[in-house]
Protein backbone atom coordinates (compact mmCIF):
# COMPACT_ATOMS: atom_id res chain seq x y z
CA UNK A 1 0.00 0.00 0.00
CA UNK A 2 1.53 3.32 -1.05
CA UNK A 3 1.14 6.40 1.08
CA UNK A 4 -0.35 9.51 -0.52
CA UNK A 5 1.77 12.65 -0.20
CA UNK A 6 0.31 15.19 2.21
CA UNK A 7 1.23 18.23 0.06
CA UNK A 8 3.09 20.12 2.74
CA UNK A 9 4.01 23.64 1.71
CA UNK A 10 7.61 24.65 2.44
CA UNK A 11 8.35 26.45 5.70
CA UNK A 12 9.95 29.88 5.68
CA UNK A 13 13.56 29.71 6.89
CA UNK A 14 14.83 33.23 6.20
CA UNK A 15 15.46 36.25 8.38
CA UNK A 16 12.46 38.43 7.52
CA UNK A 17 9.38 38.66 9.77
CA UNK A 18 7.31 35.48 9.68
CA UNK A 19 4.33 33.76 11.28
CA UNK A 20 4.83 30.77 13.59
CA UNK A 21 2.07 28.22 12.91
CA UNK A 22 0.79 26.00 15.71
CA UNK A 23 -1.58 23.08 15.11
CA UNK A 24 -2.22 19.49 16.16
CA UNK A 25 -0.46 17.01 13.90
CA UNK A 26 -3.76 15.09 13.68
CA UNK A 27 -5.17 18.11 11.80
CA UNK A 28 -2.40 18.33 9.19
CA UNK A 29 -4.73 17.46 6.30
CA UNK A 30 -6.99 20.37 7.31
CA UNK A 31 -4.18 22.82 8.05
CA UNK A 32 -1.91 22.35 5.00
CA UNK A 33 -4.44 23.77 2.49
CA UNK A 34 -4.72 26.88 4.68
CA UNK A 35 -0.93 27.19 4.75
CA UNK A 36 -0.80 26.83 0.97
CA UNK A 37 -3.39 29.61 0.58
CA UNK A 38 -1.44 31.90 2.91
CA UNK A 39 1.83 31.20 1.09
CA UNK A 40 0.15 31.90 -2.25
CA UNK A 41 -0.62 35.39 -0.94
CA UNK A 42 2.99 35.92 0.11
CA UNK A 43 2.83 35.19 3.83
CA UNK A 44 6.01 33.79 5.35
CA UNK A 45 5.13 30.82 7.54
CA UNK A 46 7.22 28.60 9.78
CA UNK A 47 5.83 25.29 10.98
CA UNK A 48 7.35 22.16 12.42
CA UNK A 49 7.01 19.53 9.69
CA UNK A 50 9.10 21.47 7.18
CA UNK A 51 11.02 23.77 9.51
CA UNK A 52 13.01 21.18 11.47
CA UNK A 53 16.04 19.68 9.73
CA UNK A 54 16.52 15.92 10.20
CA UNK A 55 18.73 15.03 13.14
CA UNK A 56 18.10 18.28 15.04
CA UNK A 57 16.75 18.56 18.58
CA UNK A 58 13.21 19.55 17.72
CA UNK A 59 12.33 21.32 20.99
CA UNK A 60 15.23 23.73 20.50
CA UNK A 61 14.33 24.37 16.86
CA UNK A 62 10.65 24.96 17.66
CA UNK A 63 11.45 27.22 20.62
CA UNK A 64 13.99 29.20 18.61
CA UNK A 65 11.59 29.64 15.70
CA UNK A 66 8.81 30.74 18.02
CA UNK A 67 10.77 33.42 19.88
CA UNK A 68 12.07 34.85 16.57
CA UNK A 69 8.58 34.96 15.01
CA UNK A 70 6.64 38.17 14.49
CA UNK A 71 3.23 36.59 14.93
CA UNK A 72 1.57 33.37 16.15
CA UNK A 73 -1.16 31.60 14.18
CA UNK A 74 -3.01 28.83 16.00
CA UNK A 75 -5.31 26.37 14.24
CA UNK A 76 -7.64 25.27 17.03
CA UNK A 77 -9.56 22.00 17.18
CA UNK A 78 -10.38 19.45 19.87
CA UNK A 79 -7.06 17.74 19.06
CA UNK A 80 -5.14 21.03 19.33
CA UNK A 81 -6.88 21.94 22.59
CA UNK A 82 -5.79 18.58 24.03
CA UNK A 83 -2.22 18.78 22.71
CA UNK A 84 0.47 19.51 25.32
CA UNK A 85 2.78 20.68 22.51
CA UNK A 86 0.26 23.22 21.20
CA UNK A 87 -0.25 24.45 24.76
CA UNK A 88 3.51 24.86 25.29
CA UNK A 89 3.79 26.83 22.05
CA UNK A 90 0.88 29.09 23.05
CA UNK A 91 2.43 29.69 26.49
CA UNK A 92 5.72 30.73 24.91
CA UNK A 93 3.96 32.98 22.40
CA UNK A 94 2.15 34.71 25.25
CA UNK A 95 5.35 35.04 27.26
CA UNK A 96 7.02 36.79 24.30
CA UNK A 97 3.90 38.88 23.68
CA UNK A 98 3.50 37.78 20.07
CA UNK A 99 0.35 38.94 18.31
CA UNK A 100 -1.95 35.90 18.23
CA UNK A 101 -4.49 34.96 15.60
CA UNK A 102 -6.45 31.79 16.00
CA UNK A 103 -8.70 29.87 13.68
CA UNK A 104 -11.21 27.27 14.78
CA UNK A 105 -11.09 24.29 12.44
CA UNK A 106 -14.07 22.72 14.24
CA UNK A 107 -16.25 23.51 17.21
CA UNK A 108 -13.97 23.17 20.21
CA UNK A 109 -14.64 23.34 23.92
CA UNK A 110 -11.89 25.25 25.67
CA UNK A 111 -10.57 24.31 29.07
CA UNK A 112 -10.73 27.12 31.63
CA UNK A 113 -6.99 27.73 31.13
CA UNK A 114 -7.27 28.00 27.35
CA UNK A 115 -10.34 30.16 27.71
CA UNK A 116 -8.38 32.46 30.01
CA UNK A 117 -5.48 32.64 27.54
CA UNK A 118 -7.53 33.09 24.35
CA UNK A 119 -10.71 34.72 25.66
CA UNK A 120 -9.86 38.35 24.91
CA UNK A 121 -8.60 37.56 21.37
CA UNK A 122 -11.07 37.62 18.48
CA UNK A 123 -11.11 34.33 16.59
CA UNK A 124 -12.10 33.15 13.13
CA UNK A 125 -14.19 30.03 12.59
CA UNK A 126 -13.18 28.44 9.30
CA UNK A 127 -16.25 26.22 9.35
CA UNK A 128 -18.61 29.25 9.49
CA UNK A 129 -17.64 30.37 5.99
CA UNK A 130 -19.36 28.48 3.15
CA UNK A 131 -17.28 30.60 0.75
CA UNK A 132 -13.55 29.94 1.30
CA UNK A 133 -12.67 33.27 -0.40
CA UNK A 134 -14.56 35.20 2.31
CA UNK A 135 -12.77 33.26 5.05
CA UNK A 136 -9.35 33.85 3.51
CA UNK A 137 -9.99 37.55 3.04
CA UNK A 138 -10.73 37.84 6.78
CA UNK A 139 -7.70 35.73 7.69
CA UNK A 140 -5.34 37.65 5.38
CA UNK A 141 -6.38 40.94 6.98
CA UNK A 142 -6.01 39.58 10.50
CA UNK A 143 -2.32 38.81 10.00
CA UNK A 144 0.44 41.43 10.28
CA UNK A 145 1.49 43.17 7.03
CA UNK A 146 5.17 42.72 7.82
CA UNK A 147 4.83 38.93 7.55
CA UNK A 148 3.62 39.16 3.95
CA UNK A 149 6.15 39.42 1.14
CA UNK A 150 3.53 39.71 -1.58
CA UNK A 151 0.65 41.97 -2.26
CA UNK A 152 -2.04 42.37 0.36
CA UNK A 153 -5.48 41.15 -0.78
CA UNK A 154 -7.94 43.85 -1.76
CA UNK A 155 -11.05 44.58 0.34
C-alpha atoms as a PDB file:
ATOM      1  CA  UNK A   1       0.000   0.000   0.000  1.00  0.00           C
ATOM      2  CA  UNK A   2       1.533   3.317  -1.047  1.00  0.00           C
ATOM      3  CA  UNK A   3       1.136   6.403   1.078  1.00  0.00           C
ATOM      4  CA  UNK A   4      -0.351   9.508  -0.523  1.00  0.00           C
ATOM      5  CA  UNK A   5       1.769  12.651  -0.204  1.00  0.00           C
ATOM      6  CA  UNK A   6       0.311  15.192   2.214  1.00  0.00           C
ATOM      7  CA  UNK A   7       1.234  18.226   0.062  1.00  0.00           C
ATOM      8  CA  UNK A   8       3.087  20.116   2.740  1.00  0.00           C
ATOM      9  CA  UNK A   9       4.010  23.637   1.712  1.00  0.00           C
ATOM     10  CA  UNK A  10       7.611  24.653   2.438  1.00  0.00           C
ATOM     11  CA  UNK A  11       8.353  26.447   5.696  1.00  0.00           C
ATOM     12  CA  UNK A  12       9.952  29.878   5.680  1.00  0.00           C
ATOM     13  CA  UNK A  13      13.565  29.706   6.889  1.00  0.00           C
ATOM     14  CA  UNK A  14      14.835  33.229   6.198  1.00  0.00           C
ATOM     15  CA  UNK A  15      15.462  36.253   8.378  1.00  0.00           C
ATOM     16  CA  UNK A  16      12.460  38.433   7.520  1.00  0.00           C
ATOM     17  CA  UNK A  17       9.378  38.658   9.767  1.00  0.00           C
ATOM     18  CA  UNK A  18       7.307  35.476   9.677  1.00  0.00           C
ATOM     19  CA  UNK A  19       4.334  33.759  11.284  1.00  0.00           C
ATOM     20  CA  UNK A  20       4.826  30.770  13.586  1.00  0.00           C
ATOM     21  CA  UNK A  21       2.068  28.223  12.908  1.00  0.00           C
ATOM     22  CA  UNK A  22       0.792  25.997  15.713  1.00  0.00           C
ATOM     23  CA  UNK A  23      -1.576  23.082  15.108  1.00  0.00           C
ATOM     24  CA  UNK A  24      -2.223  19.492  16.160  1.00  0.00           C
ATOM     25  CA  UNK A  25      -0.460  17.014  13.900  1.00  0.00           C
ATOM     26  CA  UNK A  26      -3.764  15.094  13.680  1.00  0.00           C
ATOM     27  CA  UNK A  27      -5.167  18.115  11.800  1.00  0.00           C
ATOM     28  CA  UNK A  28      -2.400  18.329   9.191  1.00  0.00           C
ATOM     29  CA  UNK A  29      -4.726  17.456   6.302  1.00  0.00           C
ATOM     30  CA  UNK A  30      -6.986  20.368   7.309  1.00  0.00           C
ATOM     31  CA  UNK A  31      -4.177  22.819   8.045  1.00  0.00           C
ATOM     32  CA  UNK A  32      -1.912  22.350   5.000  1.00  0.00           C
ATOM     33  CA  UNK A  33      -4.438  23.769   2.492  1.00  0.00           C
ATOM     34  CA  UNK A  34      -4.723  26.883   4.684  1.00  0.00           C
ATOM     35  CA  UNK A  35      -0.930  27.195   4.752  1.00  0.00           C
ATOM     36  CA  UNK A  36      -0.800  26.833   0.969  1.00  0.00           C
ATOM     37  CA  UNK A  37      -3.394  29.612   0.580  1.00  0.00           C
ATOM     38  CA  UNK A  38      -1.438  31.901   2.906  1.00  0.00           C
ATOM     39  CA  UNK A  39       1.832  31.197   1.089  1.00  0.00           C
ATOM     40  CA  UNK A  40       0.154  31.897  -2.248  1.00  0.00           C
ATOM     41  CA  UNK A  41      -0.623  35.395  -0.936  1.00  0.00           C
ATOM     42  CA  UNK A  42       2.991  35.920   0.111  1.00  0.00           C
ATOM     43  CA  UNK A  43       2.827  35.192   3.832  1.00  0.00           C
ATOM     44  CA  UNK A  44       6.009  33.794   5.347  1.00  0.00           C
ATOM     45  CA  UNK A  45       5.134  30.818   7.537  1.00  0.00           C
ATOM     46  CA  UNK A  46       7.219  28.602   9.784  1.00  0.00           C
ATOM     47  CA  UNK A  47       5.833  25.292  10.976  1.00  0.00           C
ATOM     48  CA  UNK A  48       7.349  22.160  12.415  1.00  0.00           C
ATOM     49  CA  UNK A  49       7.010  19.527   9.685  1.00  0.00           C
ATOM     50  CA  UNK A  50       9.104  21.466   7.178  1.00  0.00           C
ATOM     51  CA  UNK A  51      11.024  23.771   9.509  1.00  0.00           C
ATOM     52  CA  UNK A  52      13.009  21.184  11.469  1.00  0.00           C
ATOM     53  CA  UNK A  53      16.042  19.677   9.731  1.00  0.00           C
ATOM     54  CA  UNK A  54      16.524  15.918  10.202  1.00  0.00           C
ATOM     55  CA  UNK A  55      18.727  15.030  13.144  1.00  0.00           C
ATOM     56  CA  UNK A  56      18.104  18.283  15.043  1.00  0.00           C
ATOM     57  CA  UNK A  57      16.749  18.556  18.581  1.00  0.00           C
ATOM     58  CA  UNK A  58      13.209  19.551  17.719  1.00  0.00           C
ATOM     59  CA  UNK A  59      12.327  21.315  20.995  1.00  0.00           C
ATOM     60  CA  UNK A  60      15.227  23.729  20.503  1.00  0.00           C
ATOM     61  CA  UNK A  61      14.328  24.366  16.858  1.00  0.00           C
ATOM     62  CA  UNK A  62      10.649  24.961  17.659  1.00  0.00           C
ATOM     63  CA  UNK A  63      11.447  27.222  20.620  1.00  0.00           C
ATOM     64  CA  UNK A  64      13.991  29.197  18.610  1.00  0.00           C
ATOM     65  CA  UNK A  65      11.588  29.640  15.704  1.00  0.00           C
ATOM     66  CA  UNK A  66       8.810  30.744  18.021  1.00  0.00           C
ATOM     67  CA  UNK A  67      10.770  33.423  19.877  1.00  0.00           C
ATOM     68  CA  UNK A  68      12.067  34.847  16.574  1.00  0.00           C
ATOM     69  CA  UNK A  69       8.577  34.956  15.014  1.00  0.00           C
ATOM     70  CA  UNK A  70       6.643  38.173  14.487  1.00  0.00           C
ATOM     71  CA  UNK A  71       3.232  36.585  14.928  1.00  0.00           C
ATOM     72  CA  UNK A  72       1.572  33.374  16.145  1.00  0.00           C
ATOM     73  CA  UNK A  73      -1.162  31.598  14.181  1.00  0.00           C
ATOM     74  CA  UNK A  74      -3.015  28.825  16.001  1.00  0.00           C
ATOM     75  CA  UNK A  75      -5.315  26.373  14.241  1.00  0.00           C
ATOM     76  CA  UNK A  76      -7.637  25.272  17.030  1.00  0.00           C
ATOM     77  CA  UNK A  77      -9.564  22.000  17.184  1.00  0.00           C
ATOM     78  CA  UNK A  78     -10.376  19.446  19.872  1.00  0.00           C
ATOM     79  CA  UNK A  79      -7.059  17.737  19.055  1.00  0.00           C
ATOM     80  CA  UNK A  80      -5.138  21.025  19.328  1.00  0.00           C
ATOM     81  CA  UNK A  81      -6.882  21.940  22.590  1.00  0.00           C
ATOM     82  CA  UNK A  82      -5.795  18.582  24.027  1.00  0.00           C
ATOM     83  CA  UNK A  83      -2.220  18.778  22.710  1.00  0.00           C
ATOM     84  CA  UNK A  84       0.471  19.514  25.317  1.00  0.00           C
ATOM     85  CA  UNK A  85       2.781  20.684  22.505  1.00  0.00           C
ATOM     86  CA  UNK A  86       0.262  23.223  21.199  1.00  0.00           C
ATOM     87  CA  UNK A  87      -0.253  24.445  24.760  1.00  0.00           C
ATOM     88  CA  UNK A  88       3.511  24.864  25.291  1.00  0.00           C
ATOM     89  CA  UNK A  89       3.787  26.834  22.055  1.00  0.00           C
ATOM     90  CA  UNK A  90       0.880  29.095  23.049  1.00  0.00           C
ATOM     91  CA  UNK A  91       2.426  29.687  26.492  1.00  0.00           C
ATOM     92  CA  UNK A  92       5.721  30.733  24.914  1.00  0.00           C
ATOM     93  CA  UNK A  93       3.959  32.985  22.396  1.00  0.00           C
ATOM     94  CA  UNK A  94       2.145  34.705  25.255  1.00  0.00           C
ATOM     95  CA  UNK A  95       5.355  35.040  27.256  1.00  0.00           C
ATOM     96  CA  UNK A  96       7.024  36.786  24.296  1.00  0.00           C
ATOM     97  CA  UNK A  97       3.900  38.879  23.681  1.00  0.00           C
ATOM     98  CA  UNK A  98       3.503  37.783  20.075  1.00  0.00           C
ATOM     99  CA  UNK A  99       0.355  38.940  18.308  1.00  0.00           C
ATOM    100  CA  UNK A 100      -1.948  35.904  18.234  1.00  0.00           C
ATOM    101  CA  UNK A 101      -4.490  34.964  15.603  1.00  0.00           C
ATOM    102  CA  UNK A 102      -6.450  31.785  16.000  1.00  0.00           C
ATOM    103  CA  UNK A 103      -8.704  29.871  13.682  1.00  0.00           C
ATOM    104  CA  UNK A 104     -11.208  27.272  14.781  1.00  0.00           C
ATOM    105  CA  UNK A 105     -11.093  24.285  12.444  1.00  0.00           C
ATOM    106  CA  UNK A 106     -14.065  22.723  14.239  1.00  0.00           C
ATOM    107  CA  UNK A 107     -16.255  23.505  17.213  1.00  0.00           C
ATOM    108  CA  UNK A 108     -13.970  23.169  20.212  1.00  0.00           C
ATOM    109  CA  UNK A 109     -14.642  23.337  23.920  1.00  0.00           C
ATOM    110  CA  UNK A 110     -11.893  25.251  25.669  1.00  0.00           C
ATOM    111  CA  UNK A 111     -10.569  24.312  29.065  1.00  0.00           C
ATOM    112  CA  UNK A 112     -10.729  27.118  31.627  1.00  0.00           C
ATOM    113  CA  UNK A 113      -6.991  27.729  31.128  1.00  0.00           C
ATOM    114  CA  UNK A 114      -7.270  27.998  27.346  1.00  0.00           C
ATOM    115  CA  UNK A 115     -10.338  30.163  27.708  1.00  0.00           C
ATOM    116  CA  UNK A 116      -8.384  32.460  30.014  1.00  0.00           C
ATOM    117  CA  UNK A 117      -5.483  32.641  27.535  1.00  0.00           C
ATOM    118  CA  UNK A 118      -7.528  33.090  24.350  1.00  0.00           C
ATOM    119  CA  UNK A 119     -10.706  34.717  25.661  1.00  0.00           C
ATOM    120  CA  UNK A 120      -9.857  38.352  24.905  1.00  0.00           C
ATOM    121  CA  UNK A 121      -8.602  37.565  21.371  1.00  0.00           C
ATOM    122  CA  UNK A 122     -11.068  37.616  18.484  1.00  0.00           C
ATOM    123  CA  UNK A 123     -11.107  34.327  16.594  1.00  0.00           C
ATOM    124  CA  UNK A 124     -12.095  33.151  13.135  1.00  0.00           C
ATOM    125  CA  UNK A 125     -14.190  30.034  12.591  1.00  0.00           C
ATOM    126  CA  UNK A 126     -13.179  28.437   9.302  1.00  0.00           C
ATOM    127  CA  UNK A 127     -16.246  26.217   9.355  1.00  0.00           C
ATOM    128  CA  UNK A 128     -18.609  29.245   9.489  1.00  0.00           C
ATOM    129  CA  UNK A 129     -17.645  30.370   5.987  1.00  0.00           C
ATOM    130  CA  UNK A 130     -19.361  28.482   3.151  1.00  0.00           C
ATOM    131  CA  UNK A 131     -17.282  30.601   0.749  1.00  0.00           C
ATOM    132  CA  UNK A 132     -13.549  29.944   1.299  1.00  0.00           C
ATOM    133  CA  UNK A 133     -12.672  33.267  -0.395  1.00  0.00           C
ATOM    134  CA  UNK A 134     -14.559  35.200   2.305  1.00  0.00           C
ATOM    135  CA  UNK A 135     -12.774  33.260   5.048  1.00  0.00           C
ATOM    136  CA  UNK A 136      -9.352  33.848   3.509  1.00  0.00           C
ATOM    137  CA  UNK A 137      -9.993  37.550   3.045  1.00  0.00           C
ATOM    138  CA  UNK A 138     -10.727  37.842   6.783  1.00  0.00           C
ATOM    139  CA  UNK A 139      -7.698  35.731   7.689  1.00  0.00           C
ATOM    140  CA  UNK A 140      -5.341  37.654   5.383  1.00  0.00           C
ATOM    141  CA  UNK A 141      -6.382  40.935   6.976  1.00  0.00           C
ATOM    142  CA  UNK A 142      -6.014  39.575  10.503  1.00  0.00           C
ATOM    143  CA  UNK A 143      -2.318  38.806   9.999  1.00  0.00           C
ATOM    144  CA  UNK A 144       0.439  41.432  10.278  1.00  0.00           C
ATOM    145  CA  UNK A 145       1.488  43.169   7.035  1.00  0.00           C
ATOM    146  CA  UNK A 146       5.170  42.724   7.818  1.00  0.00           C
ATOM    147  CA  UNK A 147       4.829  38.933   7.547  1.00  0.00           C
ATOM    148  CA  UNK A 148       3.621  39.165   3.951  1.00  0.00           C
ATOM    149  CA  UNK A 149       6.151  39.415   1.140  1.00  0.00           C
ATOM    150  CA  UNK A 150       3.527  39.711  -1.583  1.00  0.00           C
ATOM    151  CA  UNK A 151       0.650  41.974  -2.264  1.00  0.00           C
ATOM    152  CA  UNK A 152      -2.043  42.370   0.360  1.00  0.00           C
ATOM    153  CA  UNK A 153      -5.483  41.153  -0.783  1.00  0.00           C
ATOM    154  CA  UNK A 154      -7.943  43.855  -1.760  1.00  0.00           C
ATOM    155  CA  UNK A 155     -11.046  44.581   0.336  1.00  0.00           C
END
